[in-house]
Amino acid sequence: MRIRSLLALAASVTAAFACAAPAQAAAGGTTAADAGIYLLRDLRTGACLTPQGGDVGPALCGPGSEWQVRVEPGGAVRFADAAAPERCLAVSPLLVFPPMVWADRCDGGFTPSTWQVLERAPGEVSIAAVPDGGSYRFLTVEPGSPRATLGNDPAPRWQLVPLG
């Protein structure tokens, strides 16, 4: 009986910590994003994350690479395509590995489209998909790949470059 009580208490404390600060507890770092228009620049290649129709991948930074950051309650953000603000950065519903990232309807498409921006060092951030009860996955583009995907490495991969 006493062991069951201790286990219940431990589970309650763990759940309370996980709910209090999910981004920091799961991924480490601090949330760092303000509303505005940004380029999402890959720290390794200098390419920008760019919507290309429904696909999202690396391209030269320039017109068409802009994302509008919308801050949601609780600190999560949505990245809306600045040229088509009804489309947001989202996780593809295709069951492939690694999970692909694409642009989908912001107003309730098939996939989660909220993200945590986690500052790791000044000017360097990790961008994590906000899970539905799962573990955090991090936005990445592997060198030479035409598509953005999600990975397990929380290392900083991005620079948010404010425009205007």
N, C-alpha and C. Protein backbone atom coordinates (compact mmCIF):
# COMPACT_ATOMS: atom_id res chain seq x y z
N MET A 1 0.83 -1.19 0.00
CA MET A 1 0.00 0.00 0.00
C MET A 1 0.87 1.25 0.00
N ARG A 2 1.91 1.25 0.84
CA ARG A 2 2.77 2.42 0.93
C ARG A 2 3.54 2.64 -0.37
N ILE A 3 3.99 1.57 -1.01
CA ILE A 3 4.72 1.69 -2.27
C ILE A 3 3.82 2.29 -3.35
N ARG A 4 2.56 1.86 -3.40
CA ARG A 4 1.62 2.40 -4.38
C ARG A 4 1.44 3.90 -4.18
N SER A 5 1.37 4.36 -2.94
CA SER A 5 1.23 5.79 -2.65
C SER A 5 2.45 6.56 -3.12
N LEU A 6 3.64 6.02 -2.87
CA LEU A 6 4.87 6.68 -3.30
C LEU A 6 4.95 6.75 -4.82
N LEU A 7 4.56 5.69 -5.50
CA LEU A 7 4.57 5.69 -6.97
C LEU A 7 3.58 6.71 -7.52
N ALA A 8 2.42 6.81 -6.92
CA ALA A 8 1.43 7.79 -7.36
C ALA A 8 1.94 9.21 -7.16
N LEU A 9 2.60 9.45 -6.03
CA LEU A 9 3.17 10.77 -5.76
C LEU A 9 4.27 11.10 -6.77
N ALA A 10 5.14 10.15 -7.05
CA ALA A 10 6.23 10.37 -8.03
C ALA A 10 5.66 10.66 -9.41
N ALA A 11 4.62 9.95 -9.81
CA ALA A 11 4.00 10.19 -11.12
C ALA A 11 3.37 11.58 -11.18
N SER A 12 2.74 12.01 -10.07
CA SER A 12 2.13 13.34 -10.03
C SER A 12 3.18 14.44 -10.15
N VAL A 13 4.29 14.29 -9.43
CA VAL A 13 5.36 15.29 -9.47
C VAL A 13 5.96 15.36 -10.87
N THR A 14 6.21 14.20 -11.50
CA THR A 14 6.76 14.16 -12.85
C THR A 14 5.81 14.84 -13.83
N ALA A 15 4.53 14.56 -13.73
CA ALA A 15 3.55 15.17 -14.63
C ALA A 15 3.49 16.68 -14.42
N ALA A 16 3.59 17.13 -13.19
CA ALA A 16 3.55 18.57 -12.92
C ALA A 16 4.75 19.28 -13.54
N PHE A 17 5.94 18.67 -13.43
CA PHE A 17 7.12 19.29 -14.04
C PHE A 17 7.01 19.30 -15.56
N ALA A 18 6.49 18.24 -16.15
CA ALA A 18 6.37 18.17 -17.61
C ALA A 18 5.38 19.20 -18.12
N CYS A 19 4.31 19.46 -17.38
CA CYS A 19 3.31 20.44 -17.81
C CYS A 19 3.79 21.87 -17.59
N ALA A 20 4.63 22.07 -16.60
CA ALA A 20 5.05 23.44 -16.26
C ALA A 20 5.89 24.07 -17.35
N ALA A 21 6.81 23.34 -17.92
CA ALA A 21 7.70 23.91 -18.94
C ALA A 21 8.12 22.83 -19.92
N PRO A 22 7.20 22.42 -20.82
CA PRO A 22 7.50 21.28 -21.68
C PRO A 22 8.70 21.51 -22.58
N ALA A 23 8.88 22.68 -23.13
CA ALA A 23 10.00 22.90 -24.05
C ALA A 23 11.33 22.79 -23.31
N GLN A 24 11.40 23.41 -22.16
CA GLN A 24 12.65 23.39 -21.44
C GLN A 24 12.90 22.01 -20.83
N ALA A 25 11.87 21.35 -20.33
CA ALA A 25 12.05 20.05 -19.72
C ALA A 25 12.46 19.01 -20.75
N ALA A 26 11.84 19.04 -21.93
CA ALA A 26 12.12 18.01 -22.93
C ALA A 26 13.33 18.33 -23.78
N ALA A 27 13.56 19.61 -24.05
CA ALA A 27 14.57 19.94 -25.04
C ALA A 27 15.69 20.82 -24.52
N GLY A 28 15.51 21.46 -23.41
CA GLY A 28 16.52 22.38 -22.88
C GLY A 28 16.50 23.69 -23.64
N GLY A 29 16.96 24.75 -23.02
CA GLY A 29 16.99 26.04 -23.70
C GLY A 29 15.81 26.91 -23.30
N THR A 30 15.78 28.12 -23.81
CA THR A 30 14.70 29.04 -23.50
C THR A 30 13.93 29.37 -24.77
N THR A 31 12.64 29.64 -24.61
CA THR A 31 11.82 30.00 -25.75
C THR A 31 12.18 31.41 -26.18
N ALA A 32 12.40 31.60 -27.49
CA ALA A 32 12.86 32.89 -27.97
C ALA A 32 12.30 33.18 -29.35
N ALA A 33 11.12 33.77 -29.42
CA ALA A 33 10.56 34.20 -30.71
C ALA A 33 9.55 35.30 -30.47
N ASP A 34 9.66 36.35 -31.24
CA ASP A 34 8.69 37.45 -31.22
C ASP A 34 7.93 37.42 -32.53
N ALA A 35 6.71 37.95 -32.51
CA ALA A 35 5.94 38.03 -33.74
C ALA A 35 6.66 38.94 -34.72
N GLY A 36 6.57 38.61 -36.00
CA GLY A 36 7.20 39.41 -37.04
C GLY A 36 7.50 38.59 -38.27
N ILE A 37 8.21 39.18 -39.21
CA ILE A 37 8.61 38.51 -40.45
C ILE A 37 10.09 38.14 -40.34
N TYR A 38 10.42 36.89 -40.67
CA TYR A 38 11.78 36.38 -40.51
C TYR A 38 12.19 35.52 -41.71
N LEU A 39 13.50 35.40 -41.87
CA LEU A 39 14.10 34.33 -42.66
C LEU A 39 14.53 33.27 -41.67
N LEU A 40 14.39 31.99 -42.01
CA LEU A 40 14.90 30.90 -41.20
C LEU A 40 16.15 30.40 -41.91
N ARG A 41 17.32 30.84 -41.45
CA ARG A 41 18.59 30.53 -42.11
C ARG A 41 19.27 29.35 -41.43
N ASP A 42 19.64 28.36 -42.24
CA ASP A 42 20.37 27.18 -41.78
C ASP A 42 21.77 27.61 -41.37
N LEU A 43 22.18 27.33 -40.14
CA LEU A 43 23.49 27.74 -39.65
C LEU A 43 24.63 27.04 -40.38
N ARG A 44 24.39 25.83 -40.87
CA ARG A 44 25.46 25.07 -41.52
C ARG A 44 25.70 25.49 -42.97
N THR A 45 24.62 25.79 -43.71
CA THR A 45 24.77 26.04 -45.15
C THR A 45 24.51 27.49 -45.55
N GLY A 46 23.82 28.25 -44.69
CA GLY A 46 23.43 29.61 -45.04
C GLY A 46 22.18 29.68 -45.89
N ALA A 47 21.64 28.54 -46.32
CA ALA A 47 20.41 28.51 -47.10
C ALA A 47 19.22 28.83 -46.20
N CYS A 48 18.15 29.30 -46.79
CA CYS A 48 16.94 29.62 -46.03
C CYS A 48 15.88 28.54 -46.24
N LEU A 49 15.13 28.27 -45.19
CA LEU A 49 14.01 27.36 -45.31
C LEU A 49 12.94 28.08 -46.11
N THR A 50 12.51 27.48 -47.22
CA THR A 50 11.64 28.17 -48.16
C THR A 50 10.48 27.28 -48.55
N PRO A 51 9.25 27.82 -48.50
CA PRO A 51 8.12 27.03 -49.00
C PRO A 51 8.20 26.97 -50.53
N GLN A 52 8.04 25.77 -51.06
CA GLN A 52 8.10 25.54 -52.51
C GLN A 52 6.85 24.77 -52.89
N GLY A 53 5.73 25.51 -53.02
CA GLY A 53 4.44 24.83 -53.17
C GLY A 53 4.09 24.26 -51.81
N GLY A 54 3.75 22.97 -51.75
CA GLY A 54 3.48 22.32 -50.47
C GLY A 54 4.75 21.87 -49.77
N ASP A 55 5.81 21.65 -50.56
CA ASP A 55 7.08 21.21 -49.99
C ASP A 55 7.79 22.37 -49.30
N VAL A 56 8.67 22.02 -48.39
CA VAL A 56 9.50 23.02 -47.71
C VAL A 56 10.92 22.49 -47.74
N GLY A 57 11.86 23.33 -48.20
CA GLY A 57 13.24 22.89 -48.27
C GLY A 57 14.19 24.06 -48.33
N PRO A 58 15.48 23.77 -48.44
CA PRO A 58 16.48 24.85 -48.46
C PRO A 58 16.53 25.51 -49.84
N ALA A 59 16.78 26.80 -49.86
CA ALA A 59 16.94 27.56 -51.10
C ALA A 59 17.76 28.79 -50.79
N LEU A 60 18.22 29.46 -51.83
CA LEU A 60 18.91 30.73 -51.61
C LEU A 60 17.97 31.69 -50.91
N CYS A 61 18.48 32.43 -49.96
CA CYS A 61 17.66 33.40 -49.24
C CYS A 61 17.26 34.53 -50.19
N GLY A 62 16.00 34.88 -50.18
CA GLY A 62 15.54 35.95 -51.05
C GLY A 62 14.02 36.01 -51.03
N PRO A 63 13.44 36.71 -52.00
CA PRO A 63 11.97 36.78 -52.07
C PRO A 63 11.37 35.38 -52.09
N GLY A 64 10.36 35.17 -51.29
CA GLY A 64 9.72 33.87 -51.18
C GLY A 64 10.22 33.04 -50.01
N SER A 65 11.28 33.50 -49.33
CA SER A 65 11.83 32.77 -48.18
C SER A 65 11.31 33.30 -46.84
N GLU A 66 10.42 34.26 -46.87
CA GLU A 66 9.98 34.91 -45.63
C GLU A 66 8.89 34.11 -44.93
N TRP A 67 9.00 34.10 -43.61
CA TRP A 67 8.00 33.45 -42.74
C TRP A 67 7.47 34.49 -41.76
N GLN A 68 6.17 34.47 -41.54
CA GLN A 68 5.55 35.31 -40.54
C GLN A 68 5.42 34.49 -39.27
N VAL A 69 6.04 34.96 -38.17
CA VAL A 69 5.95 34.26 -36.89
C VAL A 69 4.74 34.79 -36.14
N ARG A 70 3.87 33.87 -35.76
CA ARG A 70 2.68 34.19 -34.96
C ARG A 70 2.83 33.51 -33.61
N VAL A 71 2.84 34.28 -32.55
CA VAL A 71 3.01 33.72 -31.21
C VAL A 71 1.65 33.28 -30.69
N GLU A 72 1.57 32.04 -30.26
CA GLU A 72 0.35 31.44 -29.73
C GLU A 72 0.36 31.52 -28.20
N PRO A 73 -0.81 31.36 -27.57
CA PRO A 73 -0.83 31.30 -26.10
C PRO A 73 0.08 30.17 -25.62
N GLY A 74 0.82 30.42 -24.57
CA GLY A 74 1.73 29.44 -24.02
C GLY A 74 3.12 29.49 -24.61
N GLY A 75 3.36 30.39 -25.57
CA GLY A 75 4.70 30.56 -26.10
C GLY A 75 5.01 29.79 -27.37
N ALA A 76 4.14 28.88 -27.79
CA ALA A 76 4.36 28.18 -29.06
C ALA A 76 4.18 29.19 -30.19
N VAL A 77 4.75 28.89 -31.34
CA VAL A 77 4.62 29.78 -32.50
C VAL A 77 4.12 29.00 -33.71
N ARG A 78 3.59 29.74 -34.66
CA ARG A 78 3.27 29.22 -35.99
C ARG A 78 4.13 30.00 -36.96
N PHE A 79 4.68 29.30 -37.94
CA PHE A 79 5.42 29.93 -39.02
C PHE A 79 4.52 29.92 -40.24
N ALA A 80 3.98 31.09 -40.61
CA ALA A 80 3.10 31.20 -41.78
C ALA A 80 3.93 31.68 -42.96
N ASP A 81 3.67 31.13 -44.12
CA ASP A 81 4.31 31.58 -45.35
C ASP A 81 3.90 33.03 -45.57
N ALA A 82 4.86 33.96 -45.59
CA ALA A 82 4.52 35.38 -45.71
C ALA A 82 3.80 35.69 -47.03
N ALA A 83 4.06 34.91 -48.09
CA ALA A 83 3.41 35.13 -49.38
C ALA A 83 2.02 34.49 -49.43
N ALA A 84 1.77 33.50 -48.61
CA ALA A 84 0.47 32.81 -48.55
C ALA A 84 0.17 32.55 -47.08
N PRO A 85 -0.27 33.59 -46.33
CA PRO A 85 -0.37 33.47 -44.87
C PRO A 85 -1.37 32.44 -44.35
N GLU A 86 -2.15 31.84 -45.23
CA GLU A 86 -3.07 30.79 -44.79
C GLU A 86 -2.36 29.43 -44.70
N ARG A 87 -1.10 29.38 -45.12
CA ARG A 87 -0.31 28.14 -45.10
C ARG A 87 0.80 28.25 -44.06
N CYS A 88 0.91 27.25 -43.21
CA CYS A 88 1.89 27.25 -42.13
C CYS A 88 2.83 26.06 -42.24
N LEU A 89 4.01 26.22 -41.64
CA LEU A 89 4.97 25.14 -41.52
C LEU A 89 4.33 24.05 -40.67
N ALA A 90 4.33 22.81 -41.16
CA ALA A 90 3.65 21.72 -40.46
C ALA A 90 4.38 20.41 -40.72
N VAL A 91 4.01 19.39 -39.97
CA VAL A 91 4.55 18.06 -40.16
C VAL A 91 3.65 17.32 -41.15
N SER A 92 4.27 16.72 -42.16
CA SER A 92 3.51 15.99 -43.18
C SER A 92 2.77 14.81 -42.56
N PRO A 93 1.56 14.52 -43.03
CA PRO A 93 0.84 13.36 -42.51
C PRO A 93 1.34 12.03 -43.08
N LEU A 94 2.24 12.07 -44.07
CA LEU A 94 2.78 10.84 -44.64
C LEU A 94 3.63 10.12 -43.59
N LEU A 95 3.41 8.85 -43.43
CA LEU A 95 4.14 8.07 -42.43
C LEU A 95 5.44 7.58 -43.04
N VAL A 96 6.43 8.47 -43.06
CA VAL A 96 7.76 8.14 -43.58
C VAL A 96 8.78 8.52 -42.53
N PHE A 97 9.97 7.97 -42.67
CA PHE A 97 11.05 8.32 -41.76
C PHE A 97 12.22 8.84 -42.57
N PRO A 98 12.81 9.95 -42.20
CA PRO A 98 12.37 10.84 -41.11
C PRO A 98 11.12 11.61 -41.51
N PRO A 99 10.34 12.06 -40.51
CA PRO A 99 9.11 12.81 -40.82
C PRO A 99 9.44 14.06 -41.64
N MET A 100 8.66 14.28 -42.69
CA MET A 100 8.88 15.44 -43.56
C MET A 100 8.09 16.64 -43.05
N VAL A 101 8.60 17.81 -43.42
CA VAL A 101 7.94 19.07 -43.07
C VAL A 101 7.40 19.66 -44.37
N TRP A 102 6.23 20.28 -44.31
CA TRP A 102 5.63 20.89 -45.47
C TRP A 102 4.82 22.10 -45.07
N ALA A 103 4.17 22.74 -46.02
CA ALA A 103 3.28 23.87 -45.74
C ALA A 103 1.84 23.38 -45.87
N ASP A 104 1.04 23.60 -44.83
CA ASP A 104 -0.35 23.13 -44.78
C ASP A 104 -1.22 24.26 -44.26
N ARG A 105 -2.52 24.08 -44.34
CA ARG A 105 -3.47 25.09 -43.84
C ARG A 105 -3.19 25.38 -42.36
N CYS A 106 -3.17 26.66 -42.02
CA CYS A 106 -2.93 27.07 -40.63
C CYS A 106 -4.14 26.79 -39.74
N ASP A 107 -5.31 26.75 -40.33
CA ASP A 107 -6.55 26.69 -39.56
C ASP A 107 -7.06 25.27 -39.34
N GLY A 108 -6.17 24.35 -39.09
CA GLY A 108 -6.64 23.01 -38.76
C GLY A 108 -6.41 22.01 -39.85
N GLY A 109 -5.27 22.08 -40.51
CA GLY A 109 -4.92 21.05 -41.48
C GLY A 109 -4.78 19.71 -40.78
N PHE A 110 -4.25 18.74 -41.47
CA PHE A 110 -4.17 17.39 -40.94
C PHE A 110 -3.05 17.21 -39.92
N THR A 111 -2.16 18.18 -39.79
CA THR A 111 -0.96 17.98 -38.99
C THR A 111 -0.78 19.08 -37.97
N PRO A 112 -0.01 18.79 -36.90
CA PRO A 112 0.29 19.88 -35.98
C PRO A 112 1.18 20.91 -36.65
N SER A 113 0.91 22.16 -36.38
CA SER A 113 1.71 23.22 -37.00
C SER A 113 2.18 24.24 -35.98
N THR A 114 2.31 23.82 -34.73
CA THR A 114 2.88 24.72 -33.72
C THR A 114 4.27 24.23 -33.35
N TRP A 115 5.13 25.20 -33.03
CA TRP A 115 6.55 24.93 -32.82
C TRP A 115 7.05 25.68 -31.60
N GLN A 116 8.11 25.21 -31.01
CA GLN A 116 8.83 25.93 -29.96
C GLN A 116 10.16 26.39 -30.55
N VAL A 117 10.50 27.64 -30.34
CA VAL A 117 11.80 28.16 -30.76
C VAL A 117 12.65 28.23 -29.50
N LEU A 118 13.73 27.47 -29.48
CA LEU A 118 14.55 27.32 -28.29
C LEU A 118 15.92 27.94 -28.54
N GLU A 119 16.22 29.02 -27.82
CA GLU A 119 17.51 29.68 -27.99
C GLU A 119 18.58 28.87 -27.29
N ARG A 120 19.62 28.51 -28.03
CA ARG A 120 20.72 27.72 -27.49
C ARG A 120 21.93 28.59 -27.18
N ALA A 121 22.14 29.59 -28.02
CA ALA A 121 23.23 30.56 -27.88
C ALA A 121 22.74 31.81 -28.60
N PRO A 122 23.34 32.98 -28.32
CA PRO A 122 22.87 34.18 -29.00
C PRO A 122 22.87 33.99 -30.53
N GLY A 123 21.69 34.17 -31.13
CA GLY A 123 21.55 34.06 -32.57
C GLY A 123 21.42 32.65 -33.09
N GLU A 124 21.43 31.65 -32.22
CA GLU A 124 21.32 30.26 -32.64
C GLU A 124 20.14 29.60 -31.94
N VAL A 125 19.24 29.02 -32.74
CA VAL A 125 18.05 28.41 -32.16
C VAL A 125 17.84 27.00 -32.71
N SER A 126 17.11 26.22 -31.94
CA SER A 126 16.55 24.96 -32.38
C SER A 126 15.06 25.20 -32.51
N ILE A 127 14.44 24.56 -33.48
CA ILE A 127 13.00 24.69 -33.67
C ILE A 127 12.41 23.30 -33.50
N ALA A 128 11.55 23.16 -32.49
CA ALA A 128 11.00 21.86 -32.13
C ALA A 128 9.52 21.79 -32.44
N ALA A 129 9.09 20.68 -33.05
CA ALA A 129 7.66 20.43 -33.26
C ALA A 129 7.03 20.19 -31.90
N VAL A 130 5.88 20.80 -31.67
CA VAL A 130 5.16 20.60 -30.42
C VAL A 130 4.37 19.30 -30.54
N PRO A 131 4.70 18.30 -29.76
CA PRO A 131 4.09 16.98 -29.93
C PRO A 131 2.71 16.88 -29.31
N ASP A 132 1.95 15.92 -29.82
CA ASP A 132 0.68 15.55 -29.19
C ASP A 132 0.96 14.36 -28.28
N GLY A 133 1.60 14.62 -27.16
CA GLY A 133 1.89 13.56 -26.21
C GLY A 133 3.17 12.78 -26.50
N GLY A 134 3.86 13.10 -27.59
CA GLY A 134 5.09 12.40 -27.92
C GLY A 134 6.31 13.20 -27.51
N SER A 135 7.46 12.80 -28.01
CA SER A 135 8.68 13.52 -27.69
C SER A 135 8.93 14.60 -28.74
N TYR A 136 9.71 15.59 -28.35
CA TYR A 136 10.03 16.68 -29.26
C TYR A 136 10.89 16.18 -30.41
N ARG A 137 10.63 16.68 -31.60
CA ARG A 137 11.44 16.42 -32.79
C ARG A 137 11.88 17.77 -33.32
N PHE A 138 13.07 17.84 -33.88
CA PHE A 138 13.68 19.12 -34.23
C PHE A 138 13.78 19.31 -35.74
N LEU A 139 13.46 20.51 -36.18
CA LEU A 139 13.50 20.87 -37.59
C LEU A 139 14.94 20.85 -38.08
N THR A 140 15.17 20.18 -39.21
CA THR A 140 16.51 20.09 -39.76
C THR A 140 16.44 19.94 -41.27
N VAL A 141 17.53 20.24 -41.92
CA VAL A 141 17.73 19.94 -43.34
C VAL A 141 19.09 19.28 -43.43
N GLU A 142 19.11 18.04 -43.85
CA GLU A 142 20.39 17.34 -43.99
C GLU A 142 21.12 17.88 -45.20
N PRO A 143 22.44 18.05 -45.13
CA PRO A 143 23.20 18.57 -46.27
C PRO A 143 22.91 17.77 -47.55
N GLY A 144 22.60 18.49 -48.61
CA GLY A 144 22.30 17.87 -49.89
C GLY A 144 20.86 17.44 -50.06
N SER A 145 20.06 17.51 -49.01
CA SER A 145 18.66 17.09 -49.10
C SER A 145 17.79 18.25 -49.61
N PRO A 146 16.82 17.94 -50.46
CA PRO A 146 15.92 18.99 -50.94
C PRO A 146 14.74 19.26 -50.01
N ARG A 147 14.62 18.51 -48.90
CA ARG A 147 13.46 18.62 -48.03
C ARG A 147 13.84 18.84 -46.59
N ALA A 148 13.00 19.59 -45.89
CA ALA A 148 13.13 19.73 -44.44
C ALA A 148 12.49 18.52 -43.78
N THR A 149 13.10 18.06 -42.70
CA THR A 149 12.58 16.91 -41.96
C THR A 149 12.68 17.19 -40.47
N LEU A 150 12.21 16.24 -39.68
CA LEU A 150 12.36 16.30 -38.24
C LEU A 150 13.38 15.26 -37.80
N GLY A 151 14.21 15.64 -36.84
CA GLY A 151 15.21 14.73 -36.31
C GLY A 151 15.23 14.78 -34.80
N ASN A 152 16.11 14.00 -34.21
CA ASN A 152 16.21 13.92 -32.75
C ASN A 152 17.28 14.83 -32.17
N ASP A 153 18.13 15.41 -33.00
CA ASP A 153 19.26 16.21 -32.52
C ASP A 153 18.80 17.62 -32.15
N PRO A 154 18.89 18.00 -30.87
CA PRO A 154 18.44 19.33 -30.44
C PRO A 154 19.48 20.44 -30.66
N ALA A 155 20.60 20.11 -31.31
CA ALA A 155 21.64 21.13 -31.53
C ALA A 155 21.07 22.29 -32.34
N PRO A 156 21.57 23.50 -32.11
CA PRO A 156 21.06 24.64 -32.86
C PRO A 156 21.32 24.47 -34.35
N ARG A 157 20.30 24.70 -35.16
CA ARG A 157 20.41 24.54 -36.60
C ARG A 157 20.02 25.81 -37.35
N TRP A 158 19.41 26.79 -36.66
CA TRP A 158 18.76 27.89 -37.34
C TRP A 158 19.15 29.24 -36.75
N GLN A 159 19.03 30.23 -37.60
CA GLN A 159 19.14 31.63 -37.19
C GLN A 159 17.87 32.31 -37.67
N LEU A 160 17.16 32.96 -36.76
CA LEU A 160 15.98 33.75 -37.12
C LEU A 160 16.46 35.14 -37.51
N VAL A 161 16.33 35.49 -38.79
CA VAL A 161 16.80 36.77 -39.28
C VAL A 161 15.58 37.68 -39.43
N PRO A 162 15.42 38.70 -38.56
CA PRO A 162 14.26 39.57 -38.66
C PRO A 162 14.34 40.46 -39.90
N LEU A 163 13.20 40.67 -40.53
CA LEU A 163 13.12 41.56 -41.68
C LEU A 163 12.24 42.74 -41.32
N GLY A 164 12.72 43.92 -41.62
CA GLY A 164 11.92 45.14 -41.39
C GLY A 164 11.90 45.65 -40.04
